Amino acid sequence: MSLAVTHLVPLAKEIDENKVTPGVLGFIVFAVMALAVWGLMKSMSKHMGKVDFKEAPQTGAEQPDKADSAAQRG
């Protein structure tokens, strides 16, 4: 990778030195980051699809306890 960067640096010298641009290296870094974010989003979507959001049904023993605590508060 460093060999490719050293070949790109002389190309940047031919451009106006008073103008600052990200250049080819900036584009490559941005493209790699975009691909990484895309991969992470795809992976997250796959994992979120496995999540079950349904609540477990309450047993009969738990319901009176919650009703008692709500009655004591109110």
PDB file of N, CA and C in Angstrom:
ATOM      1  N   MET A   1       0.832  -1.190   0.000  1.00  0.00           N
ATOM      2  CA  MET A   1       0.000   0.000   0.000  1.00  0.00           C
ATOM      3  C   MET A   1       0.877   1.254   0.000  1.00  0.00           C
ATOM      4  N   SER A   2       1.966   1.260   0.769  1.00  0.00           N
ATOM      5  CA  SER A   2       2.814   2.456   0.841  1.00  0.00           C
ATOM      6  C   SER A   2       3.485   2.741  -0.499  1.00  0.00           C
ATOM      7  N   LEU A   3       3.745   1.702  -1.265  1.00  0.00           N
ATOM      8  CA  LEU A   3       4.343   1.903  -2.586  1.00  0.00           C
ATOM      9  C   LEU A   3       3.364   2.647  -3.495  1.00  0.00           C
ATOM     10  N   ALA A   4       2.106   2.303  -3.422  1.00  0.00           N
ATOM     11  CA  ALA A   4       1.100   2.989  -4.222  1.00  0.00           C
ATOM     12  C   ALA A   4       0.970   4.450  -3.790  1.00  0.00           C
ATOM     13  N   VAL A   5       1.072   4.702  -2.496  1.00  0.00           N
ATOM     14  CA  VAL A   5       0.967   6.075  -1.990  1.00  0.00           C
ATOM     15  C   VAL A   5       2.142   6.910  -2.468  1.00  0.00           C
ATOM     16  N   THR A   6       3.327   6.335  -2.496  1.00  0.00           N
ATOM     17  CA  THR A   6       4.496   7.103  -2.936  1.00  0.00           C
ATOM     18  C   THR A   6       4.402   7.457  -4.414  1.00  0.00           C
ATOM     19  N   HIS A   7       3.702   6.658  -5.199  1.00  0.00           N
ATOM     20  CA  HIS A   7       3.506   6.985  -6.609  1.00  0.00           C
ATOM     21  C   HIS A   7       2.460   8.083  -6.783  1.00  0.00           C
ATOM     22  N   LEU A   8       1.545   8.200  -5.835  1.00  0.00           N
ATOM     23  CA  LEU A   8       0.500   9.212  -5.940  1.00  0.00           C
ATOM     24  C   LEU A   8       0.977  10.586  -5.469  1.00  0.00           C
ATOM     25  N   VAL A   9       1.957  10.620  -4.588  1.00  0.00           N
ATOM     26  CA  VAL A   9       2.447  11.895  -4.048  1.00  0.00           C
ATOM     27  C   VAL A   9       3.025  12.791  -5.138  1.00  0.00           C
ATOM     28  N   PRO A  10       3.852  12.308  -6.076  1.00  0.00           N
ATOM     29  CA  PRO A  10       4.354  13.194  -7.131  1.00  0.00           C
ATOM     30  C   PRO A  10       3.232  13.752  -8.006  1.00  0.00           C
ATOM     31  N   LEU A  11       2.141  13.001  -8.172  1.00  0.00           N
ATOM     32  CA  LEU A  11       1.018  13.515  -8.953  1.00  0.00           C
ATOM     33  C   LEU A  11       0.381  14.716  -8.262  1.00  0.00           C
ATOM     34  N   ALA A  12       0.392  14.726  -6.947  1.00  0.00           N
ATOM     35  CA  ALA A  12      -0.185  15.841  -6.197  1.00  0.00           C
ATOM     36  C   ALA A  12       0.676  17.102  -6.346  1.00  0.00           C
ATOM     37  N   LYS A  13       1.964  16.965  -6.583  1.00  0.00           N
ATOM     38  CA  LYS A  13       2.845  18.120  -6.726  1.00  0.00           C
ATOM     39  C   LYS A  13       2.555  18.892  -8.014  1.00  0.00           C
ATOM     40  N   GLU A  14       2.006  18.229  -9.018  1.00  0.00           N
ATOM     41  CA  GLU A  14       1.713  18.897 -10.284  1.00  0.00           C
ATOM     42  C   GLU A  14       0.507  19.826 -10.179  1.00  0.00           C
ATOM     43  N   ILE A  15      -0.333  19.619  -9.180  1.00  0.00           N
ATOM     44  CA  ILE A  15      -1.513  20.454  -8.979  1.00  0.00           C
ATOM     45  C   ILE A  15      -1.071  21.742  -8.281  1.00  0.00           C
ATOM     46  N   ASP A  16      -1.869  22.775  -8.408  1.00  0.00           N
ATOM     47  CA  ASP A  16      -1.577  24.064  -7.775  1.00  0.00           C
ATOM     48  C   ASP A  16      -1.324  23.871  -6.282  1.00  0.00           C
ATOM     49  N   GLU A  17      -0.177  24.318  -5.792  1.00  0.00           N
ATOM     50  CA  GLU A  17       0.198  24.108  -4.396  1.00  0.00           C
ATOM     51  C   GLU A  17      -0.601  24.982  -3.435  1.00  0.00           C
ATOM     52  N   ASN A  18      -1.266  26.019  -3.922  1.00  0.00           N
ATOM     53  CA  ASN A  18      -2.070  26.886  -3.064  1.00  0.00           C
ATOM     54  C   ASN A  18      -3.479  26.342  -2.850  1.00  0.00           C
ATOM     55  N   LYS A  19      -3.816  25.271  -3.525  1.00  0.00           N
ATOM     56  CA  LYS A  19      -5.149  24.696  -3.426  1.00  0.00           C
ATOM     57  C   LYS A  19      -5.056  23.363  -2.680  1.00  0.00           C
ATOM     58  N   VAL A  20      -5.855  23.216  -1.631  1.00  0.00           N
ATOM     59  CA  VAL A  20      -5.833  21.997  -0.835  1.00  0.00           C
ATOM     60  C   VAL A  20      -6.989  21.107  -1.278  1.00  0.00           C
ATOM     61  N   THR A  21      -6.687  19.869  -1.682  1.00  0.00           N
ATOM     62  CA  THR A  21      -7.705  18.910  -2.088  1.00  0.00           C
ATOM     63  C   THR A  21      -7.421  17.575  -1.410  1.00  0.00           C
ATOM     64  N   PRO A  22      -8.448  16.767  -1.200  1.00  0.00           N
ATOM     65  CA  PRO A  22      -8.213  15.464  -0.574  1.00  0.00           C
ATOM     66  C   PRO A  22      -7.470  14.505  -1.494  1.00  0.00           C
ATOM     67  N   GLY A  23      -7.636  14.656  -2.787  1.00  0.00           N
ATOM     68  CA  GLY A  23      -6.912  13.832  -3.747  1.00  0.00           C
ATOM     69  C   GLY A  23      -7.405  12.401  -3.812  1.00  0.00           C
ATOM     70  N   VAL A  24      -6.617  11.604  -4.506  1.00  0.00           N
ATOM     71  CA  VAL A  24      -6.969  10.202  -4.721  1.00  0.00           C
ATOM     72  C   VAL A  24      -6.906   9.423  -3.407  1.00  0.00           C
ATOM     73  N   LEU A  25      -5.911   9.701  -2.584  1.00  0.00           N
ATOM     74  CA  LEU A  25      -5.782   9.005  -1.307  1.00  0.00           C
ATOM     75  C   LEU A  25      -7.000   9.272  -0.422  1.00  0.00           C
ATOM     76  N   GLY A  26      -7.479  10.503  -0.398  1.00  0.00           N
ATOM     77  CA  GLY A  26      -8.679  10.829   0.373  1.00  0.00           C
ATOM     78  C   GLY A  26      -9.891  10.073  -0.133  1.00  0.00           C
ATOM     79  N   PHE A  27     -10.003   9.951  -1.449  1.00  0.00           N
ATOM     80  CA  PHE A  27     -11.118   9.197  -2.021  1.00  0.00           C
ATOM     81  C   PHE A  27     -11.033   7.727  -1.650  1.00  0.00           C
ATOM     82  N   ILE A  28      -9.829   7.169  -1.703  1.00  0.00           N
ATOM     83  CA  ILE A  28      -9.653   5.752  -1.360  1.00  0.00           C
ATOM     84  C   ILE A  28     -10.017   5.504   0.100  1.00  0.00           C
ATOM     85  N   VAL A  29      -9.559   6.377   0.984  1.00  0.00           N
ATOM     86  CA  VAL A  29      -9.879   6.230   2.412  1.00  0.00           C
ATOM     87  C   VAL A  29     -11.384   6.343   2.620  1.00  0.00           C
ATOM     88  N   PHE A  30     -12.021   7.308   1.974  1.00  0.00           N
ATOM     89  CA  PHE A  30     -13.465   7.483   2.103  1.00  0.00           C
ATOM     90  C   PHE A  30     -14.209   6.264   1.578  1.00  0.00           C
ATOM     91  N   ALA A  31     -13.769   5.719   0.448  1.00  0.00           N
ATOM     92  CA  ALA A  31     -14.428   4.545  -0.125  1.00  0.00           C
ATOM     93  C   ALA A  31     -14.292   3.335   0.793  1.00  0.00           C
ATOM     94  N   VAL A  32     -13.126   3.141   1.384  1.00  0.00           N
ATOM     95  CA  VAL A  32     -12.927   2.023   2.312  1.00  0.00           C
ATOM     96  C   VAL A  32     -13.818   2.179   3.540  1.00  0.00           C
ATOM     97  N   MET A  33     -13.904   3.404   4.049  1.00  0.00           N
ATOM     98  CA  MET A  33     -14.771   3.641   5.209  1.00  0.00           C
ATOM     99  C   MET A  33     -16.235   3.407   4.856  1.00  0.00           C
ATOM    100  N   ALA A  34     -16.651   3.823   3.670  1.00  0.00           N
ATOM    101  CA  ALA A  34     -18.034   3.611   3.237  1.00  0.00           C
ATOM    102  C   ALA A  34     -18.338   2.126   3.118  1.00  0.00           C
ATOM    103  N   LEU A  35     -17.408   1.354   2.575  1.00  0.00           N
ATOM    104  CA  LEU A  35     -17.607  -0.096   2.481  1.00  0.00           C
ATOM    105  C   LEU A  35     -17.670  -0.737   3.867  1.00  0.00           C
ATOM    106  N   ALA A  36     -16.861  -0.254   4.790  1.00  0.00           N
ATOM    107  CA  ALA A  36     -16.879  -0.793   6.150  1.00  0.00           C
ATOM    108  C   ALA A  36     -18.218  -0.504   6.828  1.00  0.00           C
ATOM    109  N   VAL A  37     -18.731   0.712   6.675  1.00  0.00           N
ATOM    110  CA  VAL A  37     -20.025   1.063   7.266  1.00  0.00           C
ATOM    111  C   VAL A  37     -21.138   0.238   6.634  1.00  0.00           C
ATOM    112  N   TRP A  38     -21.083   0.051   5.318  1.00  0.00           N
ATOM    113  CA  TRP A  38     -22.088  -0.767   4.638  1.00  0.00           C
ATOM    114  C   TRP A  38     -22.068  -2.196   5.185  1.00  0.00           C
ATOM    115  N   GLY A  39     -20.878  -2.757   5.361  1.00  0.00           N
ATOM    116  CA  GLY A  39     -20.759  -4.113   5.900  1.00  0.00           C
ATOM    117  C   GLY A  39     -21.279  -4.212   7.323  1.00  0.00           C
ATOM    118  N   LEU A  40     -20.970  -3.203   8.137  1.00  0.00           N
ATOM    119  CA  LEU A  40     -21.460  -3.200   9.512  1.00  0.00           C
ATOM    120  C   LEU A  40     -22.979  -3.083   9.568  1.00  0.00           C
ATOM    121  N   MET A  41     -23.553  -2.248   8.711  1.00  0.00           N
ATOM    122  CA  MET A  41     -25.012  -2.103   8.689  1.00  0.00           C
ATOM    123  C   MET A  41     -25.684  -3.389   8.232  1.00  0.00           C
ATOM    124  N   LYS A  42     -25.099  -4.059   7.260  1.00  0.00           N
ATOM    125  CA  LYS A  42     -25.652  -5.325   6.786  1.00  0.00           C
ATOM    126  C   LYS A  42     -25.593  -6.372   7.899  1.00  0.00           C
ATOM    127  N   SER A  43     -24.479  -6.426   8.602  1.00  0.00           N
ATOM    128  CA  SER A  43     -24.330  -7.374   9.699  1.00  0.00           C
ATOM    129  C   SER A  43     -25.317  -7.053  10.832  1.00  0.00           C
ATOM    130  N   MET A  44     -25.459  -5.766  11.157  1.00  0.00           N
ATOM    131  CA  MET A  44     -26.375  -5.373  12.221  1.00  0.00           C
ATOM    132  C   MET A  44     -27.808  -5.723  11.847  1.00  0.00           C
ATOM    133  N   SER A  45     -28.162  -5.513  10.592  1.00  0.00           N
ATOM    134  CA  SER A  45     -29.508  -5.848  10.142  1.00  0.00           C
ATOM    135  C   SER A  45     -29.765  -7.343  10.273  1.00  0.00           C
ATOM    136  N   LYS A  46     -28.779  -8.143   9.950  1.00  0.00           N
ATOM    137  CA  LYS A  46     -28.913  -9.595  10.064  1.00  0.00           C
ATOM    138  C   LYS A  46     -29.094 -10.006  11.528  1.00  0.00           C
ATOM    139  N   HIS A  47     -28.316  -9.406  12.417  1.00  0.00           N
ATOM    140  CA  HIS A  47     -28.410  -9.752  13.831  1.00  0.00           C
ATOM    141  C   HIS A  47     -29.712  -9.239  14.451  1.00  0.00           C
ATOM    142  N   MET A  48     -30.169  -8.068  14.031  1.00  0.00           N
ATOM    143  CA  MET A  48     -31.432  -7.547  14.570  1.00  0.00           C
ATOM    144  C   MET A  48     -32.605  -8.399  14.106  1.00  0.00           C
ATOM    145  N   GLY A  49     -32.483  -9.038  12.957  1.00  0.00           N
ATOM    146  CA  GLY A  49     -33.538  -9.923  12.488  1.00  0.00           C
ATOM    147  C   GLY A  49     -33.688 -11.156  13.357  1.00  0.00           C
ATOM    148  N   LYS A  50     -32.635 -11.538  14.056  1.00  0.00           N
ATOM    149  CA  LYS A  50     -32.676 -12.704  14.928  1.00  0.00           C
ATOM    150  C   LYS A  50     -33.297 -12.401  16.288  1.00  0.00           C
ATOM    151  N   VAL A  51     -33.443 -11.127  16.642  1.00  0.00           N
ATOM    152  CA  VAL A  51     -33.945 -10.744  17.955  1.00  0.00           C
ATOM    153  C   VAL A  51     -35.452 -10.961  18.003  1.00  0.00           C
ATOM    154  N   ASP A  52     -35.923 -11.579  19.092  1.00  0.00           N
ATOM    155  CA  ASP A  52     -37.346 -11.816  19.298  1.00  0.00           C
ATOM    156  C   ASP A  52     -37.851 -10.781  20.308  1.00  0.00           C
ATOM    157  N   PHE A  53     -38.766  -9.922  19.879  1.00  0.00           N
ATOM    158  CA  PHE A  53     -39.244  -8.850  20.735  1.00  0.00           C
ATOM    159  C   PHE A  53     -40.507  -9.215  21.506  1.00  0.00           C
ATOM    160  N   LYS A  54     -40.999 -10.427  21.345  1.00  0.00           N
ATOM    161  CA  LYS A  54     -42.217 -10.836  22.054  1.00  0.00           C
ATOM    162  C   LYS A  54     -41.903 -11.061  23.525  1.00  0.00           C
ATOM    163  N   GLU A  55     -42.801 -10.547  24.378  1.00  0.00           N
ATOM    164  CA  GLU A  55     -42.614 -10.740  25.805  1.00  0.00           C
ATOM    165  C   GLU A  55     -43.124 -12.117  26.209  1.00  0.00           C
ATOM    166  N   ALA A  56     -42.491 -12.682  27.212  1.00  0.00           N
ATOM    167  CA  ALA A  56     -42.930 -13.982  27.717  1.00  0.00           C
ATOM    168  C   ALA A  56     -44.246 -13.796  28.478  1.00  0.00           C
ATOM    169  N   PRO A  57     -45.169 -14.731  28.364  1.00  0.00           N
ATOM    170  CA  PRO A  57     -46.429 -14.606  29.107  1.00  0.00           C
ATOM    171  C   PRO A  57     -46.176 -14.696  30.607  1.00  0.00           C
ATOM    172  N   GLN A  58     -46.954 -13.936  31.360  1.00  0.00           N
ATOM    173  CA  GLN A  58     -46.783 -13.925  32.808  1.00  0.00           C
ATOM    174  C   GLN A  58     -47.476 -15.133  33.412  1.00  0.00           C
ATOM    175  N   THR A  59     -46.853 -15.668  34.437  1.00  0.00           N
ATOM    176  CA  THR A  59     -47.479 -16.793  35.132  1.00  0.00           C
ATOM    177  C   THR A  59     -48.505 -16.268  36.121  1.00  0.00           C
ATOM    178  N   GLY A  60     -49.378 -17.127  36.594  1.00  0.00           N
ATOM    179  CA  GLY A  60     -50.440 -16.715  37.522  1.00  0.00           C
ATOM    180  C   GLY A  60     -49.903 -16.222  38.841  1.00  0.00           C
ATOM    181  N   ALA A  61     -48.741 -16.704  39.284  1.00  0.00           N
ATOM    182  CA  ALA A  61     -48.187 -16.299  40.575  1.00  0.00           C
ATOM    183  C   ALA A  61     -47.637 -14.884  40.520  1.00  0.00           C
ATOM    184  N   GLU A  62     -47.187 -14.433  39.368  1.00  0.00           N
ATOM    185  CA  GLU A  62     -46.605 -13.098  39.272  1.00  0.00           C
ATOM    186  C   GLU A  62     -47.656 -12.001  39.182  1.00  0.00           C
ATOM    187  N   GLN A  63     -48.805 -12.287  38.641  1.00  0.00           N
ATOM    188  CA  GLN A  63     -49.826 -11.260  38.426  1.00  0.00           C
ATOM    189  C   GLN A  63     -50.360 -10.655  39.714  1.00  0.00           C
ATOM    190  N   PRO A  64     -50.674 -11.411  40.764  1.00  0.00           N
ATOM    191  CA  PRO A  64     -51.166 -10.777  41.990  1.00  0.00           C
ATOM    192  C   PRO A  64     -50.119  -9.891  42.650  1.00  0.00           C
ATOM    193  N   ASP A  65     -48.841 -10.262  42.560  1.00  0.00           N
ATOM    194  CA  ASP A  65     -47.809  -9.445  43.171  1.00  0.00           C
ATOM    195  C   ASP A  65     -47.753  -8.057  42.523  1.00  0.00           C
ATOM    196  N   LYS A  66     -47.863  -8.021  41.229  1.00  0.00           N
ATOM    197  CA  LYS A  66     -47.842  -6.732  40.539  1.00  0.00           C
ATOM    198  C   LYS A  66     -49.107  -5.933  40.843  1.00  0.00           C
ATOM    199  N   ALA A  67     -50.208  -6.602  40.966  1.00  0.00           N
ATOM    200  CA  ALA A  67     -51.465  -5.899  41.268  1.00  0.00           C
ATOM    201  C   ALA A  67     -51.397  -5.323  42.681  1.00  0.00           C
ATOM    202  N   ASP A  68     -50.818  -6.058  43.612  1.00  0.00           N
ATOM    203  CA  ASP A  68     -50.691  -5.568  44.997  1.00  0.00           C
ATOM    204  C   ASP A  68     -49.778  -4.365  45.061  1.00  0.00           C
ATOM    205  N   SER A  69     -48.660  -4.404  44.331  1.00  0.00           N
ATOM    206  CA  SER A  69     -47.719  -3.287  44.378  1.00  0.00           C
ATOM    207  C   SER A  69     -48.332  -2.053  43.719  1.00  0.00           C
ATOM    208  N   ALA A  70     -49.138  -2.239  42.672  1.00  0.00           N
ATOM    209  CA  ALA A  70     -49.799  -1.099  42.039  1.00  0.00           C
ATOM    210  C   ALA A  70     -50.860  -0.510  42.941  1.00  0.00           C
ATOM    211  N   ALA A  71     -51.547  -1.345  43.688  1.00  0.00           N
ATOM    212  CA  ALA A  71     -52.574  -0.859  44.616  1.00  0.00           C
ATOM    213  C   ALA A  71     -51.934  -0.097  45.771  1.00  0.00           C
ATOM    214  N   GLN A  72     -50.776  -0.499  46.224  1.00  0.00           N
ATOM    215  CA  GLN A  72     -50.108   0.178  47.319  1.00  0.00           C
ATOM    216  C   GLN A  72     -49.609   1.554  46.881  1.00  0.00           C
ATOM    217  N   ARG A  73     -49.171   1.676  45.625  1.00  0.00           N
ATOM    218  CA  ARG A  73     -48.697   2.975  45.125  1.00  0.00           C
ATOM    219  C   ARG A  73     -49.846   3.957  44.945  1.00  0.00           C
ATOM    220  N   GLY A  74     -50.961   3.468  44.424  1.00  0.00           N
ATOM    221  CA  GLY A  74     -52.060   4.352  44.015  1.00  0.00           C
ATOM    222  C   GLY A  74     -52.987   4.643  45.105  1.00  0.00           C
TER     223      GLY A  74
END
